[in-house]
Amino acid sequence: MKKIIDRIPYWIYNLLTLISSAISVISFVPTIISFFRISIQIKNGKNPADLSVCFTLVCFLIALIGLGFMFFVRAMKYRKLLDSLNMKYAYNYYVFLRSFRNNYITITKRCSMKKDENNSNSISLLTTLTVSFLVQALDCLCNILLEATGQEVSACVKLIVPEKNNDSISMDEAKVFTFCRSTNSKTKRNSNNNNRENNAVFIKKNTDFRIILKDGEPYFYQKNLKEYEKDLRKIGEKYENTTDFYEDYYLSTIVVPIRIDRNLFHDNNFGYEIIGFLCVDSMSINAFRNEEVIKERNVNIVKSFAAELYVILNEYKEKSKEIG
């Protein structure tokens, strides 16, 4: 039975819902009319005809059956939609984790030695392998968020320019640059952004990153950046974004740090090592809603990707030092 139901196309569900709704409405109208007629007859001391009572009951029963069938069809439809959603979630997570495993092994083995005569272990190869994985990972993340939010979402990885003192990040001097973007990003964003280390921008000039680094917030989440900008102005503050005319590219965003707890490496070494940011954004202000459950779900999805990206990016950083 379940296999038969799963094969039913969505348009059949919609048609059945429409038919059952129509039956319910059509049946309820004579039911209400008959009910009032019977009520008037009783009020006037007359006994309602048996036929009128039966007609009212039959119409009422048909209306209830139609209503029940409508809810049943809708339940079947949404169960199928939920199954489809879960399958897409699971598939994209599988693709991401499989790619993570394969690329981690490839980077570790093929880039484990210093450059040889064939240049097979060059920085160029290492960067190509890393970017290839990251773009695929970002695409998987965008697909998952598309299913979760129903809105188109783009993503990118921004890296902090390495500093001489790796134990801390200077808010006055720290910079960030775009390392790669998801394939659904607008072409203009790829050609008109700070995608090279020597074109990095100051973190202190970007509210999103500054709130995470300076204020210690675990993420930056805004459903509507234009409204957020207005709210800041009301209290005498200003929203800063290092992307010129950012509203042409996105109106809502989630930013999480790509980081790891330093205490994992050294006891009593508190705080996080942050090597960059995972940013997702959308032109729709309905993508990242503010309901607590939905907000927590969206943030945890992005955080789960950021946790794995740290491993690859840290390996990239270490191998770059080893090779170069």
Protein backbone atom coordinates (compact mmCIF):
# COMPACT_ATOMS: atom_id res chain seq x y z
CA MET A 1 0.00 0.00 0.00
CA LYS A 2 2.81 2.43 0.93
CA LYS A 3 4.55 1.81 -2.41
CA ILE A 4 1.34 2.60 -4.28
CA ILE A 5 0.84 5.82 -2.32
CA ASP A 6 4.45 6.88 -2.94
CA ARG A 7 3.91 6.56 -6.70
CA ILE A 8 0.96 8.97 -6.72
CA PRO A 9 2.03 12.28 -8.34
CA TYR A 10 1.47 15.55 -6.49
CA TRP A 11 -1.14 16.79 -8.95
CA ILE A 12 -3.38 13.85 -7.99
CA TYR A 13 -3.11 14.87 -4.32
CA ASN A 14 -4.01 18.45 -5.23
CA LEU A 15 -6.98 17.31 -7.33
CA LEU A 16 -8.30 15.02 -4.59
CA THR A 17 -7.91 17.81 -2.02
CA LEU A 18 -9.88 20.18 -4.29
CA ILE A 19 -12.65 17.61 -4.87
CA SER A 20 -12.98 16.70 -1.18
CA SER A 21 -13.03 20.39 -0.21
CA ALA A 22 -15.77 21.06 -2.76
CA ILE A 23 -17.82 18.11 -1.47
CA SER A 24 -17.48 19.38 2.11
CA VAL A 25 -18.56 22.91 1.23
CA ILE A 26 -21.45 21.80 -1.01
CA SER A 27 -22.70 19.35 1.64
CA PHE A 28 -22.47 21.78 4.53
CA VAL A 29 -24.66 24.39 2.81
CA PRO A 30 -27.86 22.22 2.61
CA THR A 31 -27.01 20.81 6.04
CA ILE A 32 -27.07 24.28 7.61
CA ILE A 33 -30.22 25.28 5.70
CA SER A 34 -32.04 22.09 6.74
CA PHE A 35 -30.87 22.49 10.32
CA PHE A 36 -32.34 26.00 10.54
CA ARG A 37 -35.63 24.83 8.98
CA ILE A 38 -35.90 22.01 11.53
CA SER A 39 -35.05 24.43 14.35
CA ILE A 40 -37.81 26.81 13.21
CA GLN A 41 -40.32 23.98 12.98
CA ILE A 42 -39.46 22.80 16.50
CA LYS A 43 -39.66 26.37 17.79
CA ASN A 44 -43.14 26.73 16.27
CA GLY A 45 -44.25 23.52 17.96
CA LYS A 46 -44.26 21.43 14.82
CA ASN A 47 -42.64 18.04 14.41
CA PRO A 48 -40.04 18.04 11.64
CA ALA A 49 -40.61 15.52 8.89
CA ASP A 50 -38.55 12.37 9.10
CA LEU A 51 -37.34 12.98 5.56
CA SER A 52 -35.98 16.42 6.49
CA VAL A 53 -34.11 14.98 9.46
CA CYS A 54 -32.66 12.17 7.35
CA PHE A 55 -31.67 14.62 4.62
CA THR A 56 -29.90 16.82 7.16
CA LEU A 57 -28.06 13.90 8.70
CA VAL A 58 -27.01 12.51 5.30
CA CYS A 59 -25.69 15.92 4.16
CA PHE A 60 -23.86 16.35 7.45
CA LEU A 61 -22.35 12.87 7.15
CA ILE A 62 -21.23 13.52 3.57
CA ALA A 63 -19.65 16.80 4.65
CA LEU A 64 -17.79 15.08 7.48
CA ILE A 65 -16.57 12.33 5.15
CA GLY A 66 -15.41 14.91 2.61
CA LEU A 67 -13.63 16.90 5.32
CA GLY A 68 -11.99 13.79 6.74
CA PHE A 69 -10.89 12.66 3.28
CA MET A 70 -9.43 16.10 2.61
CA PHE A 71 -7.32 15.98 5.78
CA PHE A 72 -6.26 12.40 4.94
CA VAL A 73 -5.13 13.41 1.43
CA ARG A 74 -3.25 16.43 2.77
CA ALA A 75 -1.58 14.27 5.42
CA MET A 76 -0.46 11.80 2.72
CA LYS A 77 0.80 14.67 0.56
CA TYR A 78 2.83 16.27 3.36
CA ARG A 79 4.18 12.89 4.46
CA LYS A 80 5.44 12.35 0.91
CA LEU A 81 6.92 15.86 0.85
CA LEU A 82 8.64 15.21 4.19
CA ASP A 83 10.05 11.90 2.96
CA SER A 84 11.35 13.63 -0.16
CA LEU A 85 12.86 16.41 1.95
CA ASN A 86 14.60 13.93 4.25
CA MET A 87 15.96 12.01 1.25
CA LYS A 88 17.45 15.20 -0.21
CA TYR A 89 18.89 16.16 3.19
CA ALA A 90 20.45 12.73 3.60
CA TYR A 91 21.79 12.62 0.04
CA ASN A 92 23.46 16.02 0.23
CA TYR A 93 25.01 15.22 3.61
CA TYR A 94 26.26 11.92 2.17
CA VAL A 95 27.80 13.67 -0.86
CA PHE A 96 29.44 16.24 1.42
CA LEU A 97 30.93 13.71 3.85
CA ARG A 98 32.03 11.35 1.07
CA SER A 99 33.74 14.25 -0.68
CA PHE A 100 35.31 15.30 2.62
CA ARG A 101 36.78 11.81 3.15
CA ASN A 102 38.10 11.51 -0.41
CA ASN A 103 39.59 14.99 -0.54
CA TYR A 104 41.18 14.74 2.88
CA ILE A 105 42.96 11.52 1.86
CA THR A 106 43.93 13.00 -1.52
CA ILE A 107 45.34 16.18 0.00
CA THR A 108 47.19 14.23 2.69
CA LYS A 109 48.79 11.74 0.30
CA ARG A 110 49.38 13.77 -2.86
CA CYS A 111 50.57 16.84 -1.02
CA SER A 112 52.47 15.16 1.78
CA MET A 113 55.94 15.98 0.45
CA LYS A 114 57.66 19.09 -0.74
CA LYS A 115 57.54 20.08 -4.39
CA ASP A 116 59.13 17.57 -6.73
CA GLU A 117 60.49 18.01 -10.25
CA ASN A 118 57.10 17.30 -11.82
CA ASN A 119 55.50 20.00 -9.66
CA SER A 120 52.79 17.46 -8.67
CA ASN A 121 52.78 18.65 -5.07
CA SER A 122 52.75 22.37 -5.80
CA ILE A 123 50.72 25.02 -4.05
CA SER A 124 48.67 25.23 -7.23
CA LEU A 125 47.64 21.58 -7.01
CA LEU A 126 46.92 21.87 -3.29
CA THR A 127 44.76 24.96 -3.86
CA THR A 128 42.92 23.32 -6.77
CA LEU A 129 42.10 20.23 -4.72
CA THR A 130 40.98 22.29 -1.74
CA VAL A 131 38.83 24.71 -3.73
CA SER A 132 37.26 21.83 -5.67
CA PHE A 133 36.15 20.21 -2.42
CA LEU A 134 34.97 23.47 -0.88
CA VAL A 135 32.82 24.41 -3.88
CA GLN A 136 31.17 20.99 -3.83
CA ALA A 137 30.60 21.32 -0.08
CA LEU A 138 29.09 24.79 -0.50
CA ASP A 139 26.77 23.49 -3.21
CA CYS A 140 25.60 20.69 -0.90
CA LEU A 141 24.98 23.24 1.86
CA CYS A 142 22.99 25.46 -0.51
CA ASN A 143 20.89 22.48 -1.63
CA ILE A 144 20.10 21.55 1.97
CA LEU A 145 19.15 25.11 2.89
CA LEU A 146 17.03 25.39 -0.26
CA GLU A 147 15.03 22.37 0.89
CA ALA A 148 14.89 23.65 4.47
CA THR A 149 13.87 27.23 3.68
CA GLY A 150 12.25 27.01 0.25
CA GLN A 151 14.46 29.91 -0.89
CA GLU A 152 17.56 30.17 -3.07
CA VAL A 153 20.71 30.43 -0.94
CA SER A 154 24.33 31.15 -1.90
CA ALA A 155 27.45 30.46 0.17
CA CYS A 156 31.12 31.35 0.36
CA VAL A 157 34.23 30.70 2.42
CA LYS A 158 36.23 33.69 3.65
CA LEU A 159 39.69 33.18 5.13
CA ILE A 160 41.52 35.39 7.58
CA VAL A 161 44.88 36.55 6.27
CA PRO A 162 47.55 34.70 8.32
CA GLU A 163 49.25 36.87 10.92
CA LYS A 164 52.69 36.53 12.43
CA ASN A 165 51.19 35.93 15.85
CA ASN A 166 48.93 32.91 15.36
CA ASP A 167 47.71 32.95 18.97
CA SER A 168 45.59 36.06 18.57
CA ILE A 169 43.88 38.17 15.95
CA SER A 170 44.38 41.92 15.97
CA MET A 171 41.03 43.61 15.36
CA ASP A 172 42.80 46.70 14.04
CA GLU A 173 44.93 44.85 11.50
CA ALA A 174 43.12 41.58 10.72
CA LYS A 175 41.82 41.13 7.19
CA VAL A 176 39.65 38.61 5.40
CA PHE A 177 39.36 37.55 1.75
CA THR A 178 36.98 35.40 -0.28
CA PHE A 179 38.53 31.99 -0.95
CA CYS A 180 35.69 30.44 -2.97
CA ARG A 181 31.93 30.59 -3.62
CA SER A 182 29.12 28.19 -4.41
CA THR A 183 28.43 27.68 -8.11
CA ASN A 184 25.02 29.41 -7.90
CA SER A 185 26.60 32.73 -6.87
CA LYS A 186 26.08 35.60 -9.26
CA THR A 187 28.90 35.96 -11.79
CA LYS A 188 29.38 39.60 -10.79
CA ARG A 189 30.10 38.53 -7.20
CA ASN A 190 32.96 36.34 -8.39
CA SER A 191 34.45 39.01 -10.60
CA ASN A 192 33.84 41.94 -8.28
CA ASN A 193 34.89 40.72 -4.84
CA ASN A 194 38.02 40.50 -2.74
CA ASN A 195 38.89 36.97 -3.86
CA ARG A 196 42.64 37.35 -3.54
CA GLU A 197 44.67 37.57 -0.40
CA ASN A 198 46.30 40.82 -1.48
CA ASN A 199 42.83 42.34 -1.95
CA ALA A 200 41.65 41.41 1.53
CA VAL A 201 39.45 43.80 3.49
CA PHE A 202 39.58 44.80 7.15
CA ILE A 203 37.45 42.72 9.49
CA LYS A 204 36.79 45.80 11.65
CA LYS A 205 34.90 47.34 8.72
CA ASN A 206 32.42 44.46 8.58
CA THR A 207 29.75 44.21 11.28
CA ASP A 208 29.12 40.48 10.68
CA PHE A 209 32.72 39.41 11.32
CA ARG A 210 33.37 42.02 13.99
CA ILE A 211 30.45 40.80 16.13
CA ILE A 212 31.85 37.26 16.04
CA LEU A 213 35.51 38.14 16.67
CA LYS A 214 35.25 41.15 18.94
CA ASP A 215 32.02 40.43 20.81
CA GLY A 216 32.54 36.68 20.96
CA GLU A 217 29.15 35.80 19.43
CA PRO A 218 28.98 32.21 18.05
CA TYR A 219 27.31 33.40 14.84
CA PHE A 220 25.71 36.34 13.02
CA TYR A 221 22.10 35.78 11.92
CA GLN A 222 19.85 38.34 10.25
CA LYS A 223 16.54 37.72 8.53
CA ASN A 224 16.40 41.22 7.02
CA LEU A 225 19.61 43.25 6.83
CA LYS A 226 17.86 46.44 5.72
CA GLU A 227 15.62 46.34 8.81
CA TYR A 228 18.66 45.51 10.96
CA GLU A 229 20.43 48.51 9.46
CA LYS A 230 17.49 50.75 10.40
CA ASP A 231 17.38 49.37 13.93
CA LEU A 232 21.08 50.13 14.42
CA ARG A 233 20.61 53.69 13.20
CA LYS A 234 17.88 54.21 15.80
CA ILE A 235 20.41 53.57 18.58
CA GLY A 236 23.13 55.66 16.93
CA GLU A 237 25.08 52.75 15.43
CA LYS A 238 25.88 51.82 11.86
CA TYR A 239 25.80 48.56 9.93
CA GLU A 240 29.03 48.10 7.97
CA ASN A 241 29.54 45.74 5.05
CA THR A 242 32.69 45.46 2.96
CA THR A 243 30.65 44.44 -0.10
CA ASP A 244 29.65 47.56 -2.01
CA PHE A 245 25.87 47.67 -2.60
CA TYR A 246 25.45 44.38 -0.77
CA GLU A 247 21.66 44.64 -1.13
CA ASP A 248 22.09 43.89 -4.85
CA TYR A 249 23.34 40.43 -3.88
CA TYR A 250 21.62 39.51 -0.63
CA LEU A 251 19.17 40.77 2.00
CA SER A 252 19.54 38.07 4.65
CA THR A 253 22.56 36.19 5.94
CA ILE A 254 24.05 33.68 8.36
CA VAL A 255 27.75 33.84 9.20
CA VAL A 256 29.52 31.28 11.40
CA PRO A 257 33.21 31.10 12.26
CA ILE A 258 35.35 28.26 10.93
CA ARG A 259 37.08 27.46 14.18
CA ILE A 260 38.26 24.93 16.75
CA ASP A 261 38.61 24.97 20.53
CA ARG A 262 42.29 25.48 21.38
CA ASN A 263 41.84 23.36 24.50
CA LEU A 264 41.70 20.30 22.22
CA PHE A 265 45.40 20.77 21.54
CA HIS A 266 46.69 22.23 24.78
CA ASP A 267 45.19 21.99 28.25
CA ASN A 268 44.08 25.29 29.75
CA ASN A 269 44.54 27.03 26.39
CA PHE A 270 41.14 28.67 26.28
CA GLY A 271 39.37 30.27 23.36
CA TYR A 272 39.04 29.41 19.71
CA GLU A 273 41.40 29.36 16.77
CA ILE A 274 39.41 31.01 13.98
CA ILE A 275 40.75 30.64 10.45
CA GLY A 276 37.81 32.05 8.53
CA PHE A 277 34.07 32.32 8.10
CA LEU A 278 31.38 30.32 6.38
CA CYS A 279 28.78 32.73 5.01
CA VAL A 280 25.39 31.93 3.53
CA ASP A 281 22.99 34.53 2.17
CA SER A 282 19.80 34.98 0.20
CA MET A 283 17.91 37.69 -1.65
CA SER A 284 14.76 36.55 0.15
CA ILE A 285 13.92 37.94 3.60
CA ASN A 286 11.89 34.76 4.15
CA ALA A 287 14.88 32.45 3.92
CA PHE A 288 16.16 32.75 7.49
CA ARG A 289 13.13 33.23 9.69
CA ASN A 290 13.44 34.29 13.32
CA GLU A 291 11.34 31.60 15.01
CA GLU A 292 13.66 30.06 17.60
CA VAL A 293 13.31 26.47 16.36
CA ILE A 294 13.88 27.44 12.72
CA LYS A 295 16.75 29.76 13.61
CA GLU A 296 18.47 27.02 15.64
CA ARG A 297 17.99 24.52 12.81
CA ASN A 298 19.47 26.87 10.18
CA VAL A 299 22.45 27.81 12.37
CA ASN A 300 23.21 24.17 13.26
CA ILE A 301 23.17 23.16 9.59
CA VAL A 302 25.72 25.86 8.74
CA LYS A 303 27.79 25.07 11.85
CA SER A 304 27.96 21.37 10.93
CA PHE A 305 29.52 22.28 7.58
CA ALA A 306 31.89 24.81 9.16
CA ALA A 307 33.16 22.14 11.58
CA GLU A 308 34.21 19.85 8.70
CA LEU A 309 35.56 22.70 6.59
CA TYR A 310 37.95 23.54 9.41
CA VAL A 311 39.66 20.16 9.02
CA ILE A 312 40.26 20.61 5.29
CA LEU A 313 41.26 24.27 5.57
CA ASN A 314 43.62 23.58 8.47
CA GLU A 315 45.21 20.80 6.41
CA TYR A 316 45.46 23.23 3.50
CA LYS A 317 47.19 25.77 5.74
CA GLU A 318 49.66 23.22 7.13
CA LYS A 319 50.47 21.70 3.72
CA SER A 320 50.98 25.17 2.26
CA LYS A 321 53.65 25.79 4.90
CA GLU A 322 55.20 22.38 4.24
CA ILE A 323 55.33 22.82 0.48
CA GLY A 324 56.13 26.48 0.28
